[in-house]
Amino acid sequence: MRSVLVLTAAVLGAIGIGIGAMAASGQAPLTAPTSHSHTVPAPAGSRTSPSKAAASGICGEIGSVSGAVVDRVVAIPQNHPTFSFPAVVSIPSAATAQQVARLLCSLPAFPPGIYNCPVDLGISYNVVFAVGAASAIVSVNPWGCETVNGDISPRAAAPRLWSDLGAAMGLKHATRTTFAGMIAGL
């Protein structure tokens, strides 16, 4: 129950901040959304890394990938999520990291538009690829609309993503739930 209250307070706080910022800028205030919505921009290449991969995204640089690190991001730590694996997992093998990049690039494109998504509890994973002397970052979200974005055009997570990414990280029988974690009361 406490987790739900923390989540509700965080969402209401974010809505209040957004409305206050809009009022300060002279824009009309928003009404509170009835469901979580997510805007997916049109594919535009890379947005997160000033690397060689930035020009074409990670999909144009798969052969240059020499390793990867998967780093968990918990935006709402007050929910006290728990996981069955460490927050940071290294994938030192170039072949395995390239396999992960190919997996992400093979996911279906997420069409641009506005979508109403299930709840997003603020847990995501940054897959940081070593590309020569630079890096490329792809964010994978097991909550909400299950989007994949960053140094890749927006993609939709497919069920095989979780098992294949988990296998590359050394996790046996990984699913979306493995990556989403457990939150008491949910």
N, C-alpha and C. Protein backbone atom coordinates (compact mmCIF):
# COMPACT_ATOMS: atom_id res chain seq x y z
N MET A 1 0.82 -1.19 0.00
CA MET A 1 0.00 0.00 0.00
C MET A 1 0.87 1.26 0.00
N ARG A 2 1.97 1.25 0.79
CA ARG A 2 2.85 2.40 0.85
C ARG A 2 3.44 2.70 -0.53
N SER A 3 3.78 1.66 -1.29
CA SER A 3 4.34 1.86 -2.62
C SER A 3 3.36 2.57 -3.53
N VAL A 4 2.10 2.19 -3.45
CA VAL A 4 1.08 2.82 -4.28
C VAL A 4 0.95 4.29 -3.90
N LEU A 5 1.03 4.59 -2.59
CA LEU A 5 0.94 5.98 -2.15
C LEU A 5 2.13 6.78 -2.64
N VAL A 6 3.33 6.20 -2.58
CA VAL A 6 4.52 6.89 -3.06
C VAL A 6 4.40 7.16 -4.56
N LEU A 7 3.95 6.16 -5.30
CA LEU A 7 3.77 6.32 -6.74
C LEU A 7 2.73 7.40 -7.04
N THR A 8 1.60 7.37 -6.32
CA THR A 8 0.56 8.36 -6.53
C THR A 8 1.08 9.76 -6.22
N ALA A 9 1.82 9.91 -5.14
CA ALA A 9 2.38 11.22 -4.79
C ALA A 9 3.36 11.69 -5.85
N ALA A 10 4.18 10.79 -6.38
CA ALA A 10 5.15 11.15 -7.42
C ALA A 10 4.44 11.61 -8.69
N VAL A 11 3.40 10.89 -9.09
CA VAL A 11 2.65 11.25 -10.29
C VAL A 11 1.95 12.59 -10.09
N LEU A 12 1.30 12.78 -8.95
CA LEU A 12 0.61 14.04 -8.70
C LEU A 12 1.60 15.20 -8.62
N GLY A 13 2.77 14.95 -8.03
CA GLY A 13 3.81 15.98 -7.98
C GLY A 13 4.28 16.35 -9.37
N ALA A 14 4.49 15.37 -10.22
CA ALA A 14 4.93 15.63 -11.59
C ALA A 14 3.87 16.41 -12.37
N ILE A 15 2.61 16.07 -12.16
CA ILE A 15 1.54 16.80 -12.82
C ILE A 15 1.53 18.25 -12.35
N GLY A 16 1.69 18.45 -11.04
CA GLY A 16 1.72 19.80 -10.49
C GLY A 16 2.88 20.61 -11.03
N ILE A 17 4.06 20.00 -11.14
CA ILE A 17 5.22 20.69 -11.68
C ILE A 17 4.96 21.07 -13.13
N GLY A 18 4.42 20.17 -13.91
CA GLY A 18 4.13 20.45 -15.32
C GLY A 18 3.11 21.56 -15.49
N ILE A 19 2.06 21.55 -14.67
CA ILE A 19 1.03 22.58 -14.76
C ILE A 19 1.62 23.93 -14.35
N GLY A 20 2.43 23.94 -13.28
CA GLY A 20 3.06 25.18 -12.84
C GLY A 20 3.99 25.74 -13.90
N ALA A 21 4.76 24.89 -14.55
CA ALA A 21 5.67 25.34 -15.60
C ALA A 21 4.90 25.89 -16.79
N MET A 22 3.79 25.26 -17.13
CA MET A 22 2.98 25.75 -18.24
C MET A 22 2.35 27.08 -17.89
N ALA A 23 1.88 27.24 -16.65
CA ALA A 23 1.27 28.50 -16.25
C ALA A 23 2.31 29.62 -16.28
N ALA A 24 3.53 29.33 -15.83
CA ALA A 24 4.59 30.33 -15.83
C ALA A 24 4.97 30.73 -17.25
N SER A 25 4.82 29.81 -18.21
CA SER A 25 5.19 30.11 -19.59
C SER A 25 4.03 30.75 -20.36
N GLY A 26 2.86 30.89 -19.71
CA GLY A 26 1.73 31.52 -20.37
C GLY A 26 0.85 30.55 -21.13
N GLN A 27 1.17 29.24 -21.08
CA GLN A 27 0.35 28.25 -21.77
C GLN A 27 -0.86 27.90 -20.93
N ALA A 28 -1.89 27.41 -21.58
CA ALA A 28 -3.09 27.00 -20.87
C ALA A 28 -2.77 25.80 -19.98
N PRO A 29 -3.34 25.74 -18.77
CA PRO A 29 -3.06 24.61 -17.89
C PRO A 29 -3.66 23.32 -18.44
N LEU A 30 -3.04 22.22 -18.04
CA LEU A 30 -3.50 20.89 -18.44
C LEU A 30 -4.47 20.36 -17.42
N THR A 31 -5.31 19.43 -17.84
CA THR A 31 -6.11 18.68 -16.89
C THR A 31 -5.36 17.40 -16.60
N ALA A 32 -5.58 16.81 -15.46
CA ALA A 32 -4.89 15.57 -15.10
C ALA A 32 -5.29 14.48 -16.07
N PRO A 33 -4.33 13.71 -16.56
CA PRO A 33 -4.67 12.64 -17.50
C PRO A 33 -5.42 11.52 -16.81
N THR A 34 -6.30 10.86 -17.57
CA THR A 34 -7.05 9.75 -17.01
C THR A 34 -6.27 8.45 -17.10
N SER A 35 -5.25 8.42 -17.94
CA SER A 35 -4.38 7.25 -18.03
C SER A 35 -3.00 7.73 -18.43
N HIS A 36 -2.02 6.88 -18.25
CA HIS A 36 -0.65 7.23 -18.61
C HIS A 36 -0.55 7.30 -20.13
N SER A 37 -0.04 8.40 -20.65
CA SER A 37 0.15 8.49 -22.09
C SER A 37 1.62 8.67 -22.39
N HIS A 38 2.02 8.23 -23.53
CA HIS A 38 3.43 8.25 -23.92
C HIS A 38 3.49 8.71 -25.36
N THR A 39 4.29 9.74 -25.63
CA THR A 39 4.44 10.22 -26.99
C THR A 39 5.70 9.61 -27.57
N VAL A 40 5.58 8.98 -28.70
CA VAL A 40 6.71 8.39 -29.38
C VAL A 40 7.03 9.26 -30.58
N PRO A 41 8.25 9.86 -30.58
CA PRO A 41 8.59 10.72 -31.70
C PRO A 41 8.86 9.91 -32.96
N ALA A 42 8.80 10.62 -34.08
CA ALA A 42 9.17 9.98 -35.34
C ALA A 42 10.64 9.62 -35.29
N PRO A 43 11.06 8.52 -35.94
CA PRO A 43 12.46 8.14 -35.93
C PRO A 43 13.34 9.29 -36.41
N ALA A 44 14.38 9.60 -35.63
CA ALA A 44 15.25 10.71 -35.99
C ALA A 44 16.71 10.39 -35.73
N GLY A 45 17.07 9.12 -35.63
CA GLY A 45 18.46 8.76 -35.36
C GLY A 45 18.78 8.91 -33.89
N SER A 46 20.03 9.16 -33.61
CA SER A 46 20.52 9.20 -32.24
C SER A 46 20.20 10.52 -31.55
N ARG A 47 19.97 10.44 -30.22
CA ARG A 47 19.74 11.63 -29.44
C ARG A 47 20.54 11.65 -28.15
N THR A 48 21.25 10.61 -27.80
CA THR A 48 21.82 10.56 -26.46
C THR A 48 23.34 10.51 -26.40
N SER A 49 24.02 10.28 -27.45
CA SER A 49 25.46 10.08 -27.36
C SER A 49 26.19 10.78 -28.50
N PRO A 50 27.21 11.58 -28.17
CA PRO A 50 27.96 12.25 -29.23
C PRO A 50 29.04 11.34 -29.79
N SER A 51 28.64 10.19 -30.25
CA SER A 51 29.61 9.21 -30.73
C SER A 51 29.49 9.03 -32.24
N LYS A 52 30.38 8.21 -32.77
CA LYS A 52 30.30 7.85 -34.19
C LYS A 52 28.94 7.23 -34.48
N ALA A 53 28.39 6.50 -33.50
CA ALA A 53 27.09 5.87 -33.68
C ALA A 53 25.97 6.90 -33.77
N ALA A 54 26.24 8.15 -33.36
CA ALA A 54 25.20 9.17 -33.34
C ALA A 54 24.63 9.44 -34.73
N ALA A 55 25.45 9.37 -35.76
CA ALA A 55 24.97 9.68 -37.11
C ALA A 55 23.95 8.66 -37.60
N SER A 56 24.13 7.40 -37.29
CA SER A 56 23.23 6.39 -37.82
C SER A 56 22.58 5.53 -36.74
N GLY A 57 22.87 5.81 -35.48
CA GLY A 57 22.35 4.98 -34.40
C GLY A 57 23.15 3.69 -34.30
N ILE A 58 22.89 2.95 -33.28
CA ILE A 58 23.65 1.71 -33.03
C ILE A 58 23.46 0.71 -34.17
N CYS A 59 22.33 0.75 -34.84
CA CYS A 59 22.06 -0.22 -35.89
C CYS A 59 23.03 -0.09 -37.07
N GLY A 60 23.61 1.07 -37.27
CA GLY A 60 24.59 1.27 -38.33
C GLY A 60 26.01 0.98 -37.89
N GLU A 61 26.20 0.60 -36.63
CA GLU A 61 27.54 0.39 -36.08
C GLU A 61 27.72 -0.96 -35.40
N ILE A 62 26.86 -1.91 -35.67
CA ILE A 62 26.91 -3.19 -34.96
C ILE A 62 28.28 -3.85 -35.06
N GLY A 63 28.90 -3.81 -36.23
CA GLY A 63 30.21 -4.44 -36.40
C GLY A 63 31.31 -3.80 -35.59
N SER A 64 31.11 -2.55 -35.13
CA SER A 64 32.11 -1.84 -34.33
C SER A 64 31.91 -2.02 -32.83
N VAL A 65 30.83 -2.69 -32.41
CA VAL A 65 30.54 -2.89 -30.99
C VAL A 65 31.55 -3.89 -30.41
N SER A 66 32.21 -3.48 -29.31
CA SER A 66 33.22 -4.35 -28.70
C SER A 66 32.83 -4.86 -27.32
N GLY A 67 31.71 -4.41 -26.79
CA GLY A 67 31.24 -4.85 -25.48
C GLY A 67 30.05 -4.02 -25.10
N ALA A 68 29.46 -4.33 -23.93
CA ALA A 68 28.29 -3.58 -23.46
C ALA A 68 28.18 -3.73 -21.95
N VAL A 69 27.48 -2.78 -21.36
CA VAL A 69 27.14 -2.83 -19.94
C VAL A 69 25.65 -2.54 -19.85
N VAL A 70 24.94 -3.34 -19.08
CA VAL A 70 23.51 -3.12 -18.85
C VAL A 70 23.38 -2.54 -17.45
N ASP A 71 22.82 -1.33 -17.37
CA ASP A 71 22.75 -0.57 -16.13
C ASP A 71 21.30 -0.26 -15.79
N ARG A 72 20.83 -0.76 -14.64
CA ARG A 72 19.44 -0.53 -14.22
C ARG A 72 19.28 0.91 -13.72
N VAL A 73 18.15 1.53 -14.10
CA VAL A 73 17.80 2.86 -13.64
C VAL A 73 16.48 2.73 -12.88
N VAL A 74 16.47 3.18 -11.62
CA VAL A 74 15.25 3.15 -10.80
C VAL A 74 14.90 4.61 -10.49
N ALA A 75 13.91 5.14 -11.20
CA ALA A 75 13.54 6.55 -11.05
C ALA A 75 12.73 6.83 -9.78
N ILE A 76 12.09 5.81 -9.23
CA ILE A 76 11.28 5.98 -8.01
C ILE A 76 11.77 4.98 -6.97
N PRO A 77 12.92 5.24 -6.34
CA PRO A 77 13.48 4.28 -5.39
C PRO A 77 12.61 4.09 -4.14
N GLN A 78 11.72 5.03 -3.86
CA GLN A 78 10.84 4.91 -2.70
C GLN A 78 9.90 3.71 -2.80
N ASN A 79 9.74 3.17 -4.00
CA ASN A 79 8.90 1.98 -4.17
C ASN A 79 9.64 0.71 -3.74
N HIS A 80 10.93 0.80 -3.47
CA HIS A 80 11.75 -0.31 -3.00
C HIS A 80 11.63 -1.57 -3.86
N PRO A 81 11.88 -1.44 -5.17
CA PRO A 81 11.81 -2.63 -6.02
C PRO A 81 12.96 -3.58 -5.70
N THR A 82 12.71 -4.87 -5.88
CA THR A 82 13.76 -5.87 -5.69
C THR A 82 13.92 -6.66 -6.98
N PHE A 83 15.15 -7.14 -7.18
CA PHE A 83 15.49 -7.84 -8.42
C PHE A 83 16.31 -9.08 -8.09
N SER A 84 16.33 -10.01 -9.01
CA SER A 84 17.06 -11.26 -8.82
C SER A 84 18.47 -11.22 -9.42
N PHE A 85 18.91 -10.05 -9.88
CA PHE A 85 20.23 -9.93 -10.49
C PHE A 85 20.80 -8.55 -10.19
N PRO A 86 22.10 -8.36 -10.32
CA PRO A 86 22.74 -7.09 -9.98
C PRO A 86 22.26 -5.92 -10.85
N ALA A 87 22.44 -4.70 -10.34
CA ALA A 87 22.01 -3.49 -11.05
C ALA A 87 22.87 -3.20 -12.27
N VAL A 88 24.09 -3.66 -12.28
CA VAL A 88 25.00 -3.45 -13.40
C VAL A 88 25.57 -4.80 -13.82
N VAL A 89 25.40 -5.13 -15.10
CA VAL A 89 25.91 -6.40 -15.63
C VAL A 89 26.74 -6.09 -16.87
N SER A 90 27.97 -6.56 -16.88
CA SER A 90 28.86 -6.34 -18.01
C SER A 90 28.72 -7.47 -19.03
N ILE A 91 28.78 -7.09 -20.29
CA ILE A 91 28.80 -8.06 -21.39
C ILE A 91 30.11 -7.80 -22.13
N PRO A 92 31.21 -8.41 -21.67
CA PRO A 92 32.52 -8.09 -22.23
C PRO A 92 32.79 -8.70 -23.61
N SER A 93 32.06 -9.71 -24.00
CA SER A 93 32.27 -10.37 -25.28
C SER A 93 31.72 -9.51 -26.41
N ALA A 94 32.59 -9.20 -27.38
CA ALA A 94 32.15 -8.42 -28.54
C ALA A 94 31.04 -9.15 -29.29
N ALA A 95 31.18 -10.45 -29.46
CA ALA A 95 30.17 -11.22 -30.19
C ALA A 95 28.81 -11.16 -29.50
N THR A 96 28.79 -11.30 -28.17
CA THR A 96 27.54 -11.26 -27.43
C THR A 96 26.95 -9.86 -27.44
N ALA A 97 27.78 -8.83 -27.28
CA ALA A 97 27.30 -7.44 -27.32
C ALA A 97 26.73 -7.12 -28.71
N GLN A 98 27.37 -7.60 -29.76
CA GLN A 98 26.86 -7.39 -31.12
C GLN A 98 25.53 -8.12 -31.30
N GLN A 99 25.41 -9.28 -30.69
CA GLN A 99 24.15 -10.04 -30.75
C GLN A 99 23.03 -9.24 -30.08
N VAL A 100 23.33 -8.58 -28.95
CA VAL A 100 22.33 -7.75 -28.26
C VAL A 100 21.95 -6.57 -29.15
N ALA A 101 22.94 -5.94 -29.79
CA ALA A 101 22.65 -4.81 -30.68
C ALA A 101 21.77 -5.27 -31.84
N ARG A 102 22.07 -6.44 -32.43
CA ARG A 102 21.23 -6.97 -33.51
C ARG A 102 19.81 -7.24 -33.02
N LEU A 103 19.69 -7.78 -31.81
CA LEU A 103 18.38 -8.05 -31.22
C LEU A 103 17.58 -6.75 -31.11
N LEU A 104 18.19 -5.71 -30.54
CA LEU A 104 17.49 -4.43 -30.38
C LEU A 104 17.09 -3.84 -31.73
N CYS A 105 17.99 -3.95 -32.71
CA CYS A 105 17.70 -3.39 -34.04
C CYS A 105 16.64 -4.19 -34.79
N SER A 106 16.43 -5.45 -34.41
CA SER A 106 15.43 -6.28 -35.09
C SER A 106 14.03 -6.10 -34.52
N LEU A 107 13.90 -5.36 -33.42
CA LEU A 107 12.58 -5.15 -32.83
C LEU A 107 11.72 -4.30 -33.77
N PRO A 108 10.40 -4.49 -33.71
CA PRO A 108 9.53 -3.70 -34.59
C PRO A 108 9.56 -2.22 -34.24
N ALA A 109 9.47 -1.39 -35.26
CA ALA A 109 9.43 0.06 -35.05
C ALA A 109 8.18 0.42 -34.25
N PHE A 110 8.33 1.40 -33.38
CA PHE A 110 7.19 1.91 -32.62
C PHE A 110 6.66 3.09 -33.42
N PRO A 111 5.45 2.98 -33.98
CA PRO A 111 4.93 4.06 -34.83
C PRO A 111 4.79 5.36 -34.03
N PRO A 112 5.08 6.51 -34.67
CA PRO A 112 4.93 7.78 -33.96
C PRO A 112 3.48 8.00 -33.56
N GLY A 113 3.27 8.76 -32.51
CA GLY A 113 1.92 9.08 -32.08
C GLY A 113 1.83 9.16 -30.58
N ILE A 114 0.62 9.26 -30.08
CA ILE A 114 0.37 9.31 -28.65
C ILE A 114 -0.35 8.03 -28.27
N TYR A 115 0.15 7.37 -27.23
CA TYR A 115 -0.41 6.09 -26.81
C TYR A 115 -0.78 6.15 -25.34
N ASN A 116 -1.86 5.49 -24.97
CA ASN A 116 -2.19 5.29 -23.57
C ASN A 116 -1.56 3.98 -23.15
N CYS A 117 -0.70 4.08 -22.15
CA CYS A 117 0.11 2.93 -21.75
C CYS A 117 -0.25 2.48 -20.35
N PRO A 118 0.06 1.23 -20.03
CA PRO A 118 -0.09 0.77 -18.64
C PRO A 118 0.85 1.59 -17.75
N VAL A 119 0.72 1.42 -16.47
CA VAL A 119 1.53 2.16 -15.50
C VAL A 119 3.04 1.96 -15.77
N ASP A 120 3.78 3.04 -15.60
CA ASP A 120 5.24 3.00 -15.73
C ASP A 120 5.81 3.30 -14.36
N LEU A 121 6.44 2.32 -13.72
CA LEU A 121 6.96 2.49 -12.37
C LEU A 121 8.40 2.98 -12.33
N GLY A 122 8.89 3.50 -13.45
CA GLY A 122 10.19 4.15 -13.45
C GLY A 122 11.39 3.24 -13.41
N ILE A 123 11.25 2.03 -13.89
CA ILE A 123 12.40 1.10 -13.95
C ILE A 123 12.75 0.91 -15.41
N SER A 124 14.00 1.17 -15.74
CA SER A 124 14.46 0.97 -17.11
C SER A 124 15.90 0.50 -17.08
N TYR A 125 16.42 0.16 -18.23
CA TYR A 125 17.79 -0.33 -18.35
C TYR A 125 18.48 0.41 -19.48
N ASN A 126 19.65 0.96 -19.19
CA ASN A 126 20.48 1.55 -20.23
C ASN A 126 21.48 0.49 -20.67
N VAL A 127 21.44 0.16 -21.94
CA VAL A 127 22.43 -0.74 -22.52
C VAL A 127 23.46 0.18 -23.16
N VAL A 128 24.64 0.23 -22.54
CA VAL A 128 25.70 1.12 -22.99
C VAL A 128 26.68 0.29 -23.82
N PHE A 129 26.69 0.54 -25.12
CA PHE A 129 27.55 -0.21 -26.04
C PHE A 129 28.88 0.53 -26.21
N ALA A 130 29.98 -0.20 -26.15
CA ALA A 130 31.28 0.35 -26.50
C ALA A 130 31.39 0.28 -28.02
N VAL A 131 31.56 1.46 -28.65
CA VAL A 131 31.66 1.55 -30.10
C VAL A 131 32.96 2.28 -30.40
N GLY A 132 34.01 1.53 -30.65
CA GLY A 132 35.32 2.16 -30.81
C GLY A 132 35.70 2.84 -29.51
N ALA A 133 36.10 4.11 -29.58
CA ALA A 133 36.48 4.88 -28.39
C ALA A 133 35.27 5.59 -27.78
N ALA A 134 34.10 5.47 -28.39
CA ALA A 134 32.89 6.15 -27.92
C ALA A 134 31.90 5.13 -27.37
N SER A 135 30.71 5.60 -27.06
CA SER A 135 29.66 4.70 -26.60
C SER A 135 28.33 5.11 -27.21
N ALA A 136 27.41 4.18 -27.22
CA ALA A 136 26.05 4.42 -27.68
C ALA A 136 25.13 3.83 -26.62
N ILE A 137 24.06 4.55 -26.30
CA ILE A 137 23.18 4.12 -25.22
C ILE A 137 21.78 3.86 -25.77
N VAL A 138 21.25 2.69 -25.43
CA VAL A 138 19.89 2.33 -25.79
C VAL A 138 19.15 2.04 -24.49
N SER A 139 18.02 2.70 -24.29
CA SER A 139 17.21 2.52 -23.09
C SER A 139 16.09 1.53 -23.36
N VAL A 140 15.92 0.57 -22.46
CA VAL A 140 14.91 -0.48 -22.59
C VAL A 140 14.00 -0.39 -21.36
N ASN A 141 12.69 -0.29 -21.58
CA ASN A 141 11.75 -0.09 -20.49
C ASN A 141 10.78 -1.27 -20.39
N PRO A 142 10.83 -2.03 -19.28
CA PRO A 142 9.90 -3.15 -19.13
C PRO A 142 8.52 -2.75 -18.62
N TRP A 143 8.31 -1.48 -18.30
CA TRP A 143 7.02 -0.98 -17.83
C TRP A 143 6.40 -0.09 -18.89
N GLY A 144 5.18 0.34 -18.66
CA GLY A 144 4.51 1.26 -19.57
C GLY A 144 4.32 0.64 -20.94
N CYS A 145 4.68 1.39 -21.97
CA CYS A 145 4.53 0.91 -23.34
C CYS A 145 5.65 -0.03 -23.78
N GLU A 146 6.58 -0.34 -22.88
CA GLU A 146 7.71 -1.23 -23.18
C GLU A 146 8.46 -0.73 -24.42
N THR A 147 8.95 0.48 -24.33
CA THR A 147 9.66 1.09 -25.44
C THR A 147 11.16 0.86 -25.36
N VAL A 148 11.78 0.95 -26.52
CA VAL A 148 13.23 0.89 -26.67
C VAL A 148 13.60 2.15 -27.45
N ASN A 149 14.50 2.98 -26.89
CA ASN A 149 14.86 4.21 -27.59
C ASN A 149 16.26 4.65 -27.17
N GLY A 150 16.69 5.77 -27.67
CA GLY A 150 18.03 6.29 -27.40
C GLY A 150 18.79 6.34 -28.71
N ASP A 151 19.94 5.69 -28.78
CA ASP A 151 20.74 5.66 -30.01
C ASP A 151 20.20 4.60 -30.97
N ILE A 152 18.89 4.67 -31.17
CA ILE A 152 18.16 3.74 -32.04
C ILE A 152 16.81 4.41 -32.32
N SER A 153 16.22 4.16 -33.47
CA SER A 153 14.88 4.70 -33.69
C SER A 153 13.93 3.99 -32.72
N PRO A 154 12.85 4.64 -32.27
CA PRO A 154 11.97 4.02 -31.28
C PRO A 154 11.48 2.64 -31.72
N ARG A 155 11.57 1.70 -30.80
CA ARG A 155 11.16 0.31 -31.06
C ARG A 155 10.20 -0.14 -29.98
N ALA A 156 9.45 -1.18 -30.29
CA ALA A 156 8.54 -1.81 -29.34
C ALA A 156 9.18 -3.10 -28.86
N ALA A 157 9.20 -3.28 -27.55
CA ALA A 157 9.76 -4.51 -27.00
C ALA A 157 8.90 -5.69 -27.43
N ALA A 158 9.55 -6.77 -27.82
CA ALA A 158 8.87 -8.02 -28.17
C ALA A 158 9.18 -9.02 -27.06
N PRO A 159 8.33 -10.03 -26.85
CA PRO A 159 8.58 -10.99 -25.78
C PRO A 159 9.99 -11.59 -25.80
N ARG A 160 10.54 -11.85 -26.98
CA ARG A 160 11.87 -12.46 -27.05
C ARG A 160 12.96 -11.53 -26.53
N LEU A 161 12.70 -10.21 -26.50
CA LEU A 161 13.69 -9.26 -26.01
C LEU A 161 14.17 -9.64 -24.62
N TRP A 162 13.23 -9.90 -23.73
CA TRP A 162 13.57 -10.13 -22.33
C TRP A 162 14.36 -11.42 -22.15
N SER A 163 13.96 -12.49 -22.83
CA SER A 163 14.69 -13.76 -22.68
C SER A 163 16.06 -13.68 -23.34
N ASP A 164 16.15 -13.05 -24.51
CA ASP A 164 17.43 -12.97 -25.22
C ASP A 164 18.40 -12.02 -24.53
N LEU A 165 17.91 -10.85 -24.06
CA LEU A 165 18.77 -9.93 -23.32
C LEU A 165 19.23 -10.59 -22.03
N GLY A 166 18.31 -11.25 -21.35
CA GLY A 166 18.66 -11.96 -20.12
C GLY A 166 19.73 -13.01 -20.36
N ALA A 167 19.59 -13.78 -21.43
CA ALA A 167 20.59 -14.82 -21.74
C ALA A 167 21.96 -14.19 -21.99
N ALA A 168 22.00 -13.06 -22.70
CA ALA A 168 23.27 -12.37 -22.96
C ALA A 168 23.90 -11.88 -21.66
N MET A 169 23.07 -11.60 -20.65
CA MET A 169 23.55 -11.13 -19.35
C MET A 169 23.84 -12.28 -18.40
N GLY A 170 23.62 -13.52 -18.85
CA GLY A 170 23.86 -14.68 -17.99
C GLY A 170 22.69 -15.05 -17.10
N LEU A 171 21.49 -14.52 -17.39
CA LEU A 171 20.30 -14.83 -16.61
C LEU A 171 19.57 -16.00 -17.26
N LYS A 172 19.17 -16.95 -16.47
CA LYS A 172 18.45 -18.11 -16.99
C LYS A 172 16.95 -17.85 -16.92
N HIS A 173 16.25 -18.12 -18.01
CA HIS A 173 14.78 -18.04 -18.07
C HIS A 173 14.25 -16.64 -17.74
N ALA A 174 14.92 -15.59 -18.21
CA ALA A 174 14.47 -14.22 -17.95
C ALA A 174 13.19 -13.92 -18.72
N THR A 175 12.33 -13.13 -18.10
CA THR A 175 11.09 -12.66 -18.71
C THR A 175 10.98 -11.16 -18.46
N ARG A 176 9.92 -10.55 -18.94
CA ARG A 176 9.69 -9.14 -18.65
C ARG A 176 9.62 -8.91 -17.16
N THR A 177 9.00 -9.82 -16.43
CA THR A 177 8.88 -9.70 -14.97
C THR A 177 10.25 -9.70 -14.30
N THR A 178 11.20 -10.47 -14.82
CA THR A 178 12.56 -10.47 -14.27
C THR A 178 13.13 -9.06 -14.30
N PHE A 179 12.94 -8.36 -15.42
CA PHE A 179 13.48 -7.01 -15.58
C PHE A 179 12.61 -5.96 -14.87
N ALA A 180 11.29 -6.20 -14.77
CA ALA A 180 10.40 -5.24 -14.12
C ALA A 180 10.61 -5.22 -12.62
N GLY A 181 11.07 -6.33 -12.05
CA GLY A 181 11.30 -6.41 -10.62
C GLY A 181 10.03 -6.65 -9.84
N MET A 182 10.22 -6.79 -8.55
CA MET A 182 9.08 -7.00 -7.64
C MET A 182 8.92 -5.77 -6.77
N ILE A 183 7.69 -5.30 -6.63
CA ILE A 183 7.38 -4.17 -5.77
C ILE A 183 6.30 -4.62 -4.81
N ALA A 184 6.57 -4.49 -3.51
CA ALA A 184 5.63 -4.94 -2.49
C ALA A 184 4.28 -4.27 -2.69
N GLY A 185 3.24 -5.03 -2.61
CA GLY A 185 1.89 -4.50 -2.74
C GLY A 185 1.35 -4.50 -4.16
N LEU A 186 2.19 -4.86 -5.15
CA LEU A 186 1.69 -4.91 -6.52
C LEU A 186 1.67 -6.32 -7.02
